[in-house]
């Protein structure tokens, strides 16, 4: 994780922020960067950030992680990796399903991830 360093003591995450919060933006940018690393690297990093819960997902070309504590939950997905044909094929297969509200449709992989976290 060369591009982005998050130090929770210098830039504490503010879970009650009602608008843009630079510390939160920094944490989330670092989490987005971290999503491209492996589970063994991500787990201790988010623990050092103060998150006590962690789950890594790798399902059919989609990778993500969820971390949280009593006040905050962060979900971070990898984007399409240009050198991975499996990612391109995954992008092509997007199907929408009804979300929790009748007006919302979500990628069906989201419903899979959500059910695995519970």
PDB file of N, CA and C in Angstrom:
ATOM      1  N   UNK A   1       0.853  -1.173   0.000  1.00  0.00           N
ATOM      2  CA  UNK A   1       0.000   0.000   0.000  1.00  0.00           C
ATOM      3  C   UNK A   1       0.892   1.227   0.000  1.00  0.00           C
ATOM      4  N   UNK A   2       1.377   1.581  -1.143  1.00  0.00           N
ATOM      5  CA  UNK A   2       2.341   2.662  -1.262  1.00  0.00           C
ATOM      6  C   UNK A   2       1.697   4.037  -1.371  1.00  0.00           C
ATOM      7  N   UNK A   3       0.573   4.138  -2.061  1.00  0.00           N
ATOM      8  CA  UNK A   3       0.002   5.437  -2.391  1.00  0.00           C
ATOM      9  C   UNK A   3      -0.700   6.142  -1.230  1.00  0.00           C
ATOM     10  N   UNK A   4      -1.199   5.388  -0.294  1.00  0.00           N
ATOM     11  CA  UNK A   4      -2.097   5.975   0.693  1.00  0.00           C
ATOM     12  C   UNK A   4      -1.801   5.413   2.079  1.00  0.00           C
ATOM     13  N   UNK A   5      -1.568   6.291   3.013  1.00  0.00           N
ATOM     14  CA  UNK A   5      -1.320   5.859   4.390  1.00  0.00           C
ATOM     15  C   UNK A   5      -2.343   6.512   5.312  1.00  0.00           C
ATOM     16  N   UNK A   6      -2.991   5.710   6.111  1.00  0.00           N
ATOM     17  CA  UNK A   6      -3.990   6.219   7.045  1.00  0.00           C
ATOM     18  C   UNK A   6      -3.499   5.979   8.462  1.00  0.00           C
ATOM     19  N   UNK A   7      -3.497   7.008   9.264  1.00  0.00           N
ATOM     20  CA  UNK A   7      -3.114   6.915  10.673  1.00  0.00           C
ATOM     21  C   UNK A   7      -4.308   7.377  11.495  1.00  0.00           C
ATOM     22  N   UNK A   8      -4.955   6.439  12.157  1.00  0.00           N
ATOM     23  CA  UNK A   8      -6.188   6.784  12.883  1.00  0.00           C
ATOM     24  C   UNK A   8      -5.946   7.744  14.045  1.00  0.00           C
ATOM     25  N   UNK A   9      -4.732   7.805  14.571  1.00  0.00           N
ATOM     26  CA  UNK A   9      -4.454   8.739  15.662  1.00  0.00           C
ATOM     27  C   UNK A   9      -4.304  10.168  15.145  1.00  0.00           C
ATOM     28  N   UNK A  10      -3.682  10.309  13.977  1.00  0.00           N
ATOM     29  CA  UNK A  10      -3.522  11.643  13.387  1.00  0.00           C
ATOM     30  C   UNK A  10      -4.800  12.128  12.695  1.00  0.00           C
ATOM     31  N   UNK A  11      -5.528  11.203  12.095  1.00  0.00           N
ATOM     32  CA  UNK A  11      -6.728  11.534  11.321  1.00  0.00           C
ATOM     33  C   UNK A  11      -7.876  10.620  11.722  1.00  0.00           C
ATOM     34  N   UNK A  12      -8.423  10.766  12.927  1.00  0.00           N
ATOM     35  CA  UNK A  12      -9.461   9.839  13.370  1.00  0.00           C
ATOM     36  C   UNK A  12     -10.727   9.914  12.505  1.00  0.00           C
ATOM     37  N   UNK A  13     -11.280   8.746  12.237  1.00  0.00           N
ATOM     38  CA  UNK A  13     -12.536   8.660  11.483  1.00  0.00           C
ATOM     39  C   UNK A  13     -13.644   9.256  12.343  1.00  0.00           C
ATOM     40  N   UNK A  14     -14.513  10.020  11.737  1.00  0.00           N
ATOM     41  CA  UNK A  14     -15.602  10.679  12.470  1.00  0.00           C
ATOM     42  C   UNK A  14     -16.939  10.113  12.007  1.00  0.00           C
ATOM     43  N   UNK A  15     -17.432   9.058  12.686  1.00  0.00           N
ATOM     44  CA  UNK A  15     -18.639   8.368  12.227  1.00  0.00           C
ATOM     45  C   UNK A  15     -19.917   9.210  12.292  1.00  0.00           C
ATOM     46  N   UNK A  16     -19.911  10.277  13.028  1.00  0.00           N
ATOM     47  CA  UNK A  16     -21.128  11.096  13.134  1.00  0.00           C
ATOM     48  C   UNK A  16     -21.125  12.280  12.167  1.00  0.00           C
ATOM     49  N   UNK A  17     -20.146  12.352  11.292  1.00  0.00           N
ATOM     50  CA  UNK A  17     -20.076  13.473  10.340  1.00  0.00           C
ATOM     51  C   UNK A  17     -21.337  13.505   9.485  1.00  0.00           C
ATOM     52  N   UNK A  18     -21.891  14.686   9.304  1.00  0.00           N
ATOM     53  CA  UNK A  18     -23.114  14.843   8.517  1.00  0.00           C
ATOM     54  C   UNK A  18     -22.823  15.274   7.087  1.00  0.00           C
ATOM     55  N   UNK A  19     -21.595  15.607   6.789  1.00  0.00           N
ATOM     56  CA  UNK A  19     -21.209  16.043   5.455  1.00  0.00           C
ATOM     57  C   UNK A  19     -19.789  15.599   5.175  1.00  0.00           C
ATOM     58  N   UNK A  20     -19.171  16.255   4.217  1.00  0.00           N
ATOM     59  CA  UNK A  20     -17.800  15.911   3.861  1.00  0.00           C
ATOM     60  C   UNK A  20     -16.881  16.087   5.065  1.00  0.00           C
ATOM     61  N   UNK A  21     -16.072  15.085   5.312  1.00  0.00           N
ATOM     62  CA  UNK A  21     -15.109  15.114   6.417  1.00  0.00           C
ATOM     63  C   UNK A  21     -13.773  14.611   5.873  1.00  0.00           C
ATOM     64  N   UNK A  22     -12.752  15.471   5.823  1.00  0.00           N
ATOM     65  CA  UNK A  22     -11.463  15.071   5.233  1.00  0.00           C
ATOM     66  C   UNK A  22     -10.853  13.809   5.841  1.00  0.00           C
ATOM     67  N   UNK A  23     -10.961  13.620   7.148  1.00  0.00           N
ATOM     68  CA  UNK A  23     -10.405  12.419   7.772  1.00  0.00           C
ATOM     69  C   UNK A  23     -11.109  11.169   7.255  1.00  0.00           C
ATOM     70  N   UNK A  24     -12.429  11.250   7.097  1.00  0.00           N
ATOM     71  CA  UNK A  24     -13.197  10.112   6.600  1.00  0.00           C
ATOM     72  C   UNK A  24     -12.827   9.837   5.141  1.00  0.00           C
ATOM     73  N   UNK A  25     -12.680  10.905   4.349  1.00  0.00           N
ATOM     74  CA  UNK A  25     -12.310  10.739   2.947  1.00  0.00           C
ATOM     75  C   UNK A  25     -10.941  10.055   2.835  1.00  0.00           C
ATOM     76  N   UNK A  26     -10.008  10.433   3.680  1.00  0.00           N
ATOM     77  CA  UNK A  26      -8.686   9.812   3.670  1.00  0.00           C
ATOM     78  C   UNK A  26      -8.783   8.332   4.016  1.00  0.00           C
ATOM     79  N   UNK A  27      -9.523   8.000   5.057  1.00  0.00           N
ATOM     80  CA  UNK A  27      -9.681   6.603   5.465  1.00  0.00           C
ATOM     81  C   UNK A  27     -10.301   5.780   4.339  1.00  0.00           C
ATOM     82  N   UNK A  28     -11.353   6.317   3.714  1.00  0.00           N
ATOM     83  CA  UNK A  28     -12.041   5.576   2.656  1.00  0.00           C
ATOM     84  C   UNK A  28     -11.175   5.448   1.400  1.00  0.00           C
ATOM     85  N   UNK A  29     -10.395   6.475   1.087  1.00  0.00           N
ATOM     86  CA  UNK A  29      -9.478   6.381  -0.054  1.00  0.00           C
ATOM     87  C   UNK A  29      -8.428   5.297   0.203  1.00  0.00           C
ATOM     88  N   UNK A  30      -7.927   5.238   1.418  1.00  0.00           N
ATOM     89  CA  UNK A  30      -6.940   4.207   1.769  1.00  0.00           C
ATOM     90  C   UNK A  30      -7.580   2.819   1.739  1.00  0.00           C
ATOM     91  N   UNK A  31      -8.836   2.703   2.166  1.00  0.00           N
ATOM     92  CA  UNK A  31      -9.541   1.417   2.112  1.00  0.00           C
ATOM     93  C   UNK A  31      -9.726   0.976   0.660  1.00  0.00           C
ATOM     94  N   UNK A  32     -10.036   1.927  -0.231  1.00  0.00           N
ATOM     95  CA  UNK A  32     -10.185   1.603  -1.656  1.00  0.00           C
ATOM     96  C   UNK A  32      -8.860   1.084  -2.215  1.00  0.00           C
ATOM     97  N   UNK A  33      -7.773   1.695  -1.828  1.00  0.00           N
ATOM     98  CA  UNK A  33      -6.444   1.264  -2.258  1.00  0.00           C
ATOM     99  C   UNK A  33      -6.111  -0.115  -1.682  1.00  0.00           C
ATOM    100  N   UNK A  34      -6.452  -0.308  -0.433  1.00  0.00           N
ATOM    101  CA  UNK A  34      -6.161  -1.559   0.269  1.00  0.00           C
ATOM    102  C   UNK A  34      -6.886  -2.748  -0.360  1.00  0.00           C
ATOM    103  N   UNK A  35      -8.046  -2.517  -0.961  1.00  0.00           N
ATOM    104  CA  UNK A  35      -8.845  -3.604  -1.537  1.00  0.00           C
ATOM    105  C   UNK A  35      -8.095  -4.390  -2.604  1.00  0.00           C
ATOM    106  N   UNK A  36      -7.045  -3.811  -3.179  1.00  0.00           N
ATOM    107  CA  UNK A  36      -6.282  -4.489  -4.227  1.00  0.00           C
ATOM    108  C   UNK A  36      -5.208  -5.408  -3.675  1.00  0.00           C
ATOM    109  N   UNK A  37      -5.050  -5.423  -2.366  1.00  0.00           N
ATOM    110  CA  UNK A  37      -4.051  -6.294  -1.750  1.00  0.00           C
ATOM    111  C   UNK A  37      -4.707  -7.599  -1.313  1.00  0.00           C
ATOM    112  N   UNK A  38      -3.901  -8.521  -0.796  1.00  0.00           N
ATOM    113  CA  UNK A  38      -4.461  -9.813  -0.391  1.00  0.00           C
ATOM    114  C   UNK A  38      -5.003  -9.760   1.039  1.00  0.00           C
ATOM    115  N   UNK A  39      -5.793 -10.767   1.355  1.00  0.00           N
ATOM    116  CA  UNK A  39      -6.448 -10.841   2.667  1.00  0.00           C
ATOM    117  C   UNK A  39      -5.451 -10.794   3.821  1.00  0.00           C
ATOM    118  N   UNK A  40      -4.319 -11.474   3.669  1.00  0.00           N
ATOM    119  CA  UNK A  40      -3.307 -11.516   4.734  1.00  0.00           C
ATOM    120  C   UNK A  40      -2.700 -10.146   5.012  1.00  0.00           C
ATOM    121  N   UNK A  41      -2.707  -9.274   4.036  1.00  0.00           N
ATOM    122  CA  UNK A  41      -2.190  -7.915   4.215  1.00  0.00           C
ATOM    123  C   UNK A  41      -3.280  -6.983   4.743  1.00  0.00           C
ATOM    124  N   UNK A  42      -4.490  -7.157   4.251  1.00  0.00           N
ATOM    125  CA  UNK A  42      -5.599  -6.275   4.626  1.00  0.00           C
ATOM    126  C   UNK A  42      -5.967  -6.438   6.105  1.00  0.00           C
ATOM    127  N   UNK A  43      -6.082  -7.680   6.562  1.00  0.00           N
ATOM    128  CA  UNK A  43      -6.561  -7.950   7.934  1.00  0.00           C
ATOM    129  C   UNK A  43      -5.780  -7.199   9.014  1.00  0.00           C
ATOM    130  N   UNK A  44      -4.453  -7.310   9.070  1.00  0.00           N
ATOM    131  CA  UNK A  44      -3.745  -6.592  10.134  1.00  0.00           C
ATOM    132  C   UNK A  44      -3.782  -5.072   9.948  1.00  0.00           C
ATOM    133  N   UNK A  45      -3.893  -4.634   8.703  1.00  0.00           N
ATOM    134  CA  UNK A  45      -3.944  -3.192   8.450  1.00  0.00           C
ATOM    135  C   UNK A  45      -5.221  -2.591   9.026  1.00  0.00           C
ATOM    136  N   UNK A  46      -6.368  -3.216   8.742  1.00  0.00           N
ATOM    137  CA  UNK A  46      -7.623  -2.651   9.262  1.00  0.00           C
ATOM    138  C   UNK A  46      -7.716  -2.813  10.779  1.00  0.00           C
ATOM    139  N   UNK A  47      -7.065  -3.834  11.308  1.00  0.00           N
ATOM    140  CA  UNK A  47      -7.011  -3.976  12.769  1.00  0.00           C
ATOM    141  C   UNK A  47      -6.237  -2.802  13.370  1.00  0.00           C
ATOM    142  N   UNK A  48      -5.122  -2.427  12.736  1.00  0.00           N
ATOM    143  CA  UNK A  48      -4.333  -1.278  13.206  1.00  0.00           C
ATOM    144  C   UNK A  48      -5.127   0.022  13.080  1.00  0.00           C
ATOM    145  N   UNK A  49      -6.077   0.056  12.162  1.00  0.00           N
ATOM    146  CA  UNK A  49      -6.941   1.227  11.996  1.00  0.00           C
ATOM    147  C   UNK A  49      -8.046   1.273  13.054  1.00  0.00           C
ATOM    148  N   UNK A  50      -8.153   0.228  13.875  1.00  0.00           N
ATOM    149  CA  UNK A  50      -9.151   0.224  14.942  1.00  0.00           C
ATOM    150  C   UNK A  50     -10.421  -0.561  14.634  1.00  0.00           C
ATOM    151  N   UNK A  51     -10.418  -1.325  13.540  1.00  0.00           N
ATOM    152  CA  UNK A  51     -11.594  -2.134  13.204  1.00  0.00           C
ATOM    153  C   UNK A  51     -11.436  -3.524  13.798  1.00  0.00           C
ATOM    154  N   UNK A  52     -12.424  -3.954  14.554  1.00  0.00           N
ATOM    155  CA  UNK A  52     -12.348  -5.236  15.254  1.00  0.00           C
ATOM    156  C   UNK A  52     -12.970  -6.381  14.464  1.00  0.00           C
ATOM    157  N   UNK A  53     -13.784  -6.065  13.474  1.00  0.00           N
ATOM    158  CA  UNK A  53     -14.425  -7.085  12.630  1.00  0.00           C
ATOM    159  C   UNK A  53     -13.839  -6.982  11.226  1.00  0.00           C
ATOM    160  N   UNK A  54     -13.647  -8.132  10.574  1.00  0.00           N
ATOM    161  CA  UNK A  54     -13.094  -8.139   9.224  1.00  0.00           C
ATOM    162  C   UNK A  54     -13.576  -9.361   8.472  1.00  0.00           C
ATOM    163  N   UNK A  55     -13.943  -9.164   7.217  1.00  0.00           N
ATOM    164  CA  UNK A  55     -14.327 -10.280   6.342  1.00  0.00           C
ATOM    165  C   UNK A  55     -13.859  -9.950   4.932  1.00  0.00           C
ATOM    166  N   UNK A  56     -13.161 -10.888   4.302  1.00  0.00           N
ATOM    167  CA  UNK A  56     -12.694 -10.730   2.927  1.00  0.00           C
ATOM    168  C   UNK A  56     -13.554 -11.602   2.030  1.00  0.00           C
ATOM    169  N   UNK A  57     -13.913 -11.093   0.860  1.00  0.00           N
ATOM    170  CA  UNK A  57     -14.733 -11.837  -0.094  1.00  0.00           C
ATOM    171  C   UNK A  57     -13.972 -11.988  -1.400  1.00  0.00           C
ATOM    172  N   UNK A  58     -14.029 -13.168  -1.969  1.00  0.00           N
ATOM    173  CA  UNK A  58     -13.490 -13.425  -3.295  1.00  0.00           C
ATOM    174  C   UNK A  58     -14.455 -14.410  -3.932  1.00  0.00           C
ATOM    175  N   UNK A  59     -15.342 -13.893  -4.771  1.00  0.00           N
ATOM    176  CA  UNK A  59     -16.396 -14.725  -5.344  1.00  0.00           C
ATOM    177  C   UNK A  59     -16.585 -14.388  -6.815  1.00  0.00           C
ATOM    178  N   UNK A  60     -16.309 -15.344  -7.672  1.00  0.00           N
ATOM    179  CA  UNK A  60     -16.542 -15.222  -9.117  1.00  0.00           C
ATOM    180  C   UNK A  60     -15.961 -13.941  -9.708  1.00  0.00           C
ATOM    181  N   UNK A  61     -14.728 -13.638  -9.375  1.00  0.00           N
ATOM    182  CA  UNK A  61     -14.066 -12.483  -9.958  1.00  0.00           C
ATOM    183  C   UNK A  61     -14.308 -11.174  -9.238  1.00  0.00           C
ATOM    184  N   UNK A  62     -15.063 -11.205  -8.160  1.00  0.00           N
ATOM    185  CA  UNK A  62     -15.318  -9.994  -7.377  1.00  0.00           C
ATOM    186  C   UNK A  62     -14.620 -10.130  -6.032  1.00  0.00           C
ATOM    187  N   UNK A  63     -13.795  -9.140  -5.701  1.00  0.00           N
ATOM    188  CA  UNK A  63     -13.118  -9.139  -4.411  1.00  0.00           C
ATOM    189  C   UNK A  63     -13.516  -7.880  -3.650  1.00  0.00           C
ATOM    190  N   UNK A  64     -13.670  -8.049  -2.349  1.00  0.00           N
ATOM    191  CA  UNK A  64     -14.042  -6.933  -1.490  1.00  0.00           C
ATOM    192  C   UNK A  64     -13.694  -7.292  -0.058  1.00  0.00           C
ATOM    193  N   UNK A  65     -13.748  -6.284   0.802  1.00  0.00           N
ATOM    194  CA  UNK A  65     -13.653  -6.574   2.224  1.00  0.00           C
ATOM    195  C   UNK A  65     -14.605  -5.654   2.981  1.00  0.00           C
ATOM    196  N   UNK A  66     -15.005  -6.143   4.136  1.00  0.00           N
ATOM    197  CA  UNK A  66     -15.844  -5.386   5.047  1.00  0.00           C
ATOM    198  C   UNK A  66     -15.107  -5.363   6.365  1.00  0.00           C
ATOM    199  N   UNK A  67     -15.017  -4.194   6.978  1.00  0.00           N
ATOM    200  CA  UNK A  67     -14.436  -4.116   8.307  1.00  0.00           C
ATOM    201  C   UNK A  67     -15.312  -3.179   9.139  1.00  0.00           C
ATOM    202  N   UNK A  68     -15.279  -3.365  10.427  1.00  0.00           N
ATOM    203  CA  UNK A  68     -16.116  -2.524  11.258  1.00  0.00           C
ATOM    204  C   UNK A  68     -15.725  -2.559  12.722  1.00  0.00           C
ATOM    205  N   UNK A  69     -16.329  -1.658  13.441  1.00  0.00           N
ATOM    206  CA  UNK A  69     -16.222  -1.619  14.899  1.00  0.00           C
ATOM    207  C   UNK A  69     -17.585  -1.168  15.425  1.00  0.00           C
ATOM    208  N   UNK A  70     -17.679  -0.789  16.673  1.00  0.00           N
ATOM    209  CA  UNK A  70     -18.968  -0.437  17.259  1.00  0.00           C
ATOM    210  C   UNK A  70     -19.615   0.796  16.619  1.00  0.00           C
ATOM    211  N   UNK A  71     -18.818   1.640  15.951  1.00  0.00           N
ATOM    212  CA  UNK A  71     -19.350   2.887  15.407  1.00  0.00           C
ATOM    213  C   UNK A  71     -19.317   2.992  13.887  1.00  0.00           C
ATOM    214  N   UNK A  72     -18.520   2.164  13.226  1.00  0.00           N
ATOM    215  CA  UNK A  72     -18.281   2.347  11.800  1.00  0.00           C
ATOM    216  C   UNK A  72     -18.204   1.022  11.067  1.00  0.00           C
ATOM    217  N   UNK A  73     -18.774   0.983   9.857  1.00  0.00           N
ATOM    218  CA  UNK A  73     -18.612  -0.153   8.948  1.00  0.00           C
ATOM    219  C   UNK A  73     -18.093   0.401   7.628  1.00  0.00           C
ATOM    220  N   UNK A  74     -17.049  -0.220   7.096  1.00  0.00           N
ATOM    221  CA  UNK A  74     -16.481   0.172   5.810  1.00  0.00           C
ATOM    222  C   UNK A  74     -16.558  -1.029   4.876  1.00  0.00           C
ATOM    223  N   UNK A  75     -17.057  -0.806   3.670  1.00  0.00           N
ATOM    224  CA  UNK A  75     -17.109  -1.831   2.636  1.00  0.00           C
ATOM    225  C   UNK A  75     -16.280  -1.312   1.469  1.00  0.00           C
ATOM    226  N   UNK A  76     -15.317  -2.099   1.011  1.00  0.00           N
ATOM    227  CA  UNK A  76     -14.438  -1.659  -0.067  1.00  0.00           C
ATOM    228  C   UNK A  76     -14.303  -2.760  -1.119  1.00  0.00           C
ATOM    229  N   UNK A  77     -14.637  -2.429  -2.369  1.00  0.00           N
ATOM    230  CA  UNK A  77     -14.561  -3.360  -3.490  1.00  0.00           C
ATOM    231  C   UNK A  77     -13.367  -3.034  -4.366  1.00  0.00           C
ATOM    232  N   UNK A  78     -12.788  -4.068  -4.956  1.00  0.00           N
ATOM    233  CA  UNK A  78     -11.805  -3.841  -6.015  1.00  0.00           C
ATOM    234  C   UNK A  78     -12.574  -3.427  -7.257  1.00  0.00           C
ATOM    235  N   UNK A  79     -11.964  -2.581  -8.033  1.00  0.00           N
ATOM    236  CA  UNK A  79     -12.528  -2.257  -9.338  1.00  0.00           C
ATOM    237  C   UNK A  79     -12.065  -3.286 -10.351  1.00  0.00           C
ATOM    238  N   UNK A  80     -12.371  -3.046 -11.589  1.00  0.00           N
ATOM    239  CA  UNK A  80     -11.931  -3.945 -12.644  1.00  0.00           C
ATOM    240  C   UNK A  80     -10.414  -3.820 -12.802  1.00  0.00           C
ATOM    241  N   UNK A  81      -9.736  -4.941 -12.686  1.00  0.00           N
ATOM    242  CA  UNK A  81      -8.293  -4.960 -12.901  1.00  0.00           C
ATOM    243  C   UNK A  81      -8.073  -5.222 -14.393  1.00  0.00           C
ATOM    244  N   UNK A  82      -7.474  -4.266 -15.114  1.00  0.00           N
ATOM    245  CA  UNK A  82      -7.398  -4.355 -16.573  1.00  0.00           C
ATOM    246  C   UNK A  82      -6.677  -5.583 -17.115  1.00  0.00           C
ATOM    247  N   UNK A  83      -5.789  -6.175 -16.323  1.00  0.00           N
ATOM    248  CA  UNK A  83      -5.054  -7.346 -16.812  1.00  0.00           C
ATOM    249  C   UNK A  83      -5.715  -8.672 -16.431  1.00  0.00           C
ATOM    250  N   UNK A  84      -6.926  -8.613 -15.892  1.00  0.00           N
ATOM    251  CA  UNK A  84      -7.630  -9.827 -15.467  1.00  0.00           C
ATOM    252  C   UNK A  84      -8.900 -10.007 -16.309  1.00  0.00           C
ATOM    253  N   UNK A  85      -8.858 -10.958 -17.235  1.00  0.00           N
ATOM    254  CA  UNK A  85     -10.000 -11.207 -18.116  1.00  0.00           C
ATOM    255  C   UNK A  85     -11.240 -11.600 -17.312  1.00  0.00           C
ATOM    256  N   UNK A  86     -11.035 -12.278 -16.185  1.00  0.00           N
ATOM    257  CA  UNK A  86     -12.153 -12.678 -15.329  1.00  0.00           C
ATOM    258  C   UNK A  86     -12.936 -11.447 -14.844  1.00  0.00           C
ATOM    259  N   UNK A  87     -12.239 -10.357 -14.555  1.00  0.00           N
ATOM    260  CA  UNK A  87     -12.900  -9.112 -14.138  1.00  0.00           C
ATOM    261  C   UNK A  87     -13.759  -8.553 -15.263  1.00  0.00           C
ATOM    262  N   UNK A  88     -13.221  -8.568 -16.473  1.00  0.00           N
ATOM    263  CA  UNK A  88     -13.986  -8.054 -17.611  1.00  0.00           C
ATOM    264  C   UNK A  88     -15.241  -8.883 -17.825  1.00  0.00           C
ATOM    265  N   UNK A  89     -15.118 -10.195 -17.706  1.00  0.00           N
ATOM    266  CA  UNK A  89     -16.288 -11.069 -17.872  1.00  0.00           C
ATOM    267  C   UNK A  89     -17.300 -10.843 -16.766  1.00  0.00           C
ATOM    268  N   UNK A  90     -16.826 -10.609 -15.559  1.00  0.00           N
ATOM    269  CA  UNK A  90     -17.720 -10.311 -14.439  1.00  0.00           C
ATOM    270  C   UNK A  90     -18.495  -9.027 -14.692  1.00  0.00           C
ATOM    271  N   UNK A  91     -17.840  -8.013 -15.259  1.00  0.00           N
ATOM    272  CA  UNK A  91     -18.509  -6.751 -15.571  1.00  0.00           C
ATOM    273  C   UNK A  91     -19.629  -6.946 -16.590  1.00  0.00           C
ATOM    274  N   UNK A  92     -19.399  -7.827 -17.538  1.00  0.00           N
ATOM    275  CA  UNK A  92     -20.390  -8.076 -18.589  1.00  0.00           C
ATOM    276  C   UNK A  92     -21.625  -8.767 -18.028  1.00  0.00           C
ATOM    277  N   UNK A  93     -21.481  -9.587 -16.982  1.00  0.00           N
ATOM    278  CA  UNK A  93     -22.565 -10.399 -16.445  1.00  0.00           C
ATOM    279  C   UNK A  93     -23.453  -9.693 -15.418  1.00  0.00           C
ATOM    280  N   UNK A  94     -23.360  -8.404 -15.280  1.00  0.00           N
ATOM    281  CA  UNK A  94     -24.136  -7.708 -14.248  1.00  0.00           C
ATOM    282  C   UNK A  94     -25.630  -7.893 -14.490  1.00  0.00           C
ATOM    283  N   UNK A  95     -26.321  -8.376 -13.494  1.00  0.00           N
ATOM    284  CA  UNK A  95     -27.773  -8.511 -13.535  1.00  0.00           C
ATOM    285  C   UNK A  95     -28.349  -7.746 -12.360  1.00  0.00           C
ATOM    286  N   UNK A  96     -29.426  -7.073 -12.599  1.00  0.00           N
ATOM    287  CA  UNK A  96     -30.055  -6.293 -11.540  1.00  0.00           C
ATOM    288  C   UNK A  96     -31.188  -7.086 -10.895  1.00  0.00           C
ATOM    289  N   UNK A  97     -31.293  -6.954  -9.584  1.00  0.00           N
ATOM    290  CA  UNK A  97     -32.377  -7.568  -8.827  1.00  0.00           C
ATOM    291  C   UNK A  97     -33.022  -6.502  -7.971  1.00  0.00           C
ATOM    292  N   UNK A  98     -34.225  -6.782  -7.532  1.00  0.00           N
ATOM    293  CA  UNK A  98     -34.899  -5.836  -6.647  1.00  0.00           C
ATOM    294  C   UNK A  98     -34.131  -5.723  -5.346  1.00  0.00           C
ATOM    295  N   UNK A  99     -34.001  -4.493  -4.876  1.00  0.00           N
ATOM    296  CA  UNK A  99     -33.349  -4.249  -3.598  1.00  0.00           C
ATOM    297  C   UNK A  99     -34.383  -4.308  -2.482  1.00  0.00           C
ATOM    298  N   UNK A 100     -34.033  -3.762  -1.350  1.00  0.00           N
ATOM    299  CA  UNK A 100     -34.934  -3.788  -0.201  1.00  0.00           C
ATOM    300  C   UNK A 100     -36.127  -2.867  -0.384  1.00  0.00           C
ATOM    301  N   UNK A 101     -36.005  -1.917  -1.292  1.00  0.00           N
ATOM    302  CA  UNK A 101     -37.100  -1.020  -1.617  1.00  0.00           C
ATOM    303  C   UNK A 101     -37.517  -1.325  -3.053  1.00  0.00           C
ATOM    304  N   UNK A 102     -38.822  -1.275  -3.376  1.00  0.00           N
ATOM    305  CA  UNK A 102     -39.247  -1.610  -4.739  1.00  0.00           C
ATOM    306  C   UNK A 102     -38.670  -0.690  -5.813  1.00  0.00           C
ATOM    307  N   UNK A 103     -38.237   0.511  -5.443  1.00  0.00           N
ATOM    308  CA  UNK A 103     -37.696   1.466  -6.415  1.00  0.00           C
ATOM    309  C   UNK A 103     -36.210   1.266  -6.691  1.00  0.00           C
ATOM    310  N   UNK A 104     -35.578   0.357  -5.960  1.00  0.00           N
ATOM    311  CA  UNK A 104     -34.121   0.199  -6.063  1.00  0.00           C
ATOM    312  C   UNK A 104     -33.787  -1.154  -6.674  1.00  0.00           C
ATOM    313  N   UNK A 105     -32.879  -1.130  -7.642  1.00  0.00           N
ATOM    314  CA  UNK A 105     -32.348  -2.373  -8.192  1.00  0.00           C
ATOM    315  C   UNK A 105     -30.851  -2.375  -7.927  1.00  0.00           C
ATOM    316  N   UNK A 106     -30.324  -3.524  -7.538  1.00  0.00           N
ATOM    317  CA  UNK A 106     -28.906  -3.635  -7.208  1.00  0.00           C
ATOM    318  C   UNK A 106     -28.280  -4.784  -7.983  1.00  0.00           C
ATOM    319  N   UNK A 107     -26.974  -4.738  -8.143  1.00  0.00           N
ATOM    320  CA  UNK A 107     -26.225  -5.828  -8.746  1.00  0.00           C
ATOM    321  C   UNK A 107     -26.458  -7.063  -7.881  1.00  0.00           C
ATOM    322  N   UNK A 108     -26.747  -8.187  -8.496  1.00  0.00           N
ATOM    323  CA  UNK A 108     -27.080  -9.377  -7.701  1.00  0.00           C
ATOM    324  C   UNK A 108     -25.916  -9.847  -6.839  1.00  0.00           C
ATOM    325  N   UNK A 109     -24.676  -9.499  -7.200  1.00  0.00           N
ATOM    326  CA  UNK A 109     -23.545  -9.884  -6.356  1.00  0.00           C
ATOM    327  C   UNK A 109     -23.603  -9.175  -5.013  1.00  0.00           C
ATOM    328  N   UNK A 110     -24.217  -7.973  -4.972  1.00  0.00           N
ATOM    329  CA  UNK A 110     -24.394  -7.268  -3.695  1.00  0.00           C
ATOM    330  C   UNK A 110     -25.270  -8.084  -2.771  1.00  0.00           C
ATOM    331  N   UNK A 111     -26.363  -8.672  -3.291  1.00  0.00           N
ATOM    332  CA  UNK A 111     -27.250  -9.445  -2.427  1.00  0.00           C
ATOM    333  C   UNK A 111     -26.536 -10.681  -1.905  1.00  0.00           C
ATOM    334  N   UNK A 112     -25.631 -11.263  -2.718  1.00  0.00           N
ATOM    335  CA  UNK A 112     -24.835 -12.398  -2.251  1.00  0.00           C
ATOM    336  C   UNK A 112     -23.942 -11.971  -1.097  1.00  0.00           C
ATOM    337  N   UNK A 113     -23.219 -10.864  -1.278  1.00  0.00           N
ATOM    338  CA  UNK A 113     -22.299 -10.402  -0.236  1.00  0.00           C
ATOM    339  C   UNK A 113     -23.039 -10.060   1.040  1.00  0.00           C
ATOM    340  N   UNK A 114     -24.174  -9.399   0.892  1.00  0.00           N
ATOM    341  CA  UNK A 114     -24.938  -8.993   2.062  1.00  0.00           C
ATOM    342  C   UNK A 114     -25.376 -10.227   2.868  1.00  0.00           C
ATOM    343  N   UNK A 115     -25.825 -11.273   2.179  1.00  0.00           N
ATOM    344  CA  UNK A 115     -26.284 -12.457   2.886  1.00  0.00           C
ATOM    345  C   UNK A 115     -25.137 -13.179   3.586  1.00  0.00           C
ATOM    346  N   UNK A 116     -23.911 -13.082   3.042  1.00  0.00           N
ATOM    347  CA  UNK A 116     -22.765 -13.752   3.653  1.00  0.00           C
ATOM    348  C   UNK A 116     -22.279 -13.024   4.908  1.00  0.00           C
ATOM    349  N   UNK A 117     -22.521 -11.722   5.017  1.00  0.00           N
ATOM    350  CA  UNK A 117     -22.060 -10.941   6.157  1.00  0.00           C
ATOM    351  C   UNK A 117     -22.906 -11.210   7.386  1.00  0.00           C
ATOM    352  N   UNK A 118     -24.172 -11.530   7.188  1.00  0.00           N
ATOM    353  CA  UNK A 118     -25.099 -11.743   8.324  1.00  0.00           C
ATOM    354  C   UNK A 118     -24.770 -12.965   9.111  1.00  0.00           C
TER     355      UNK A 118
END
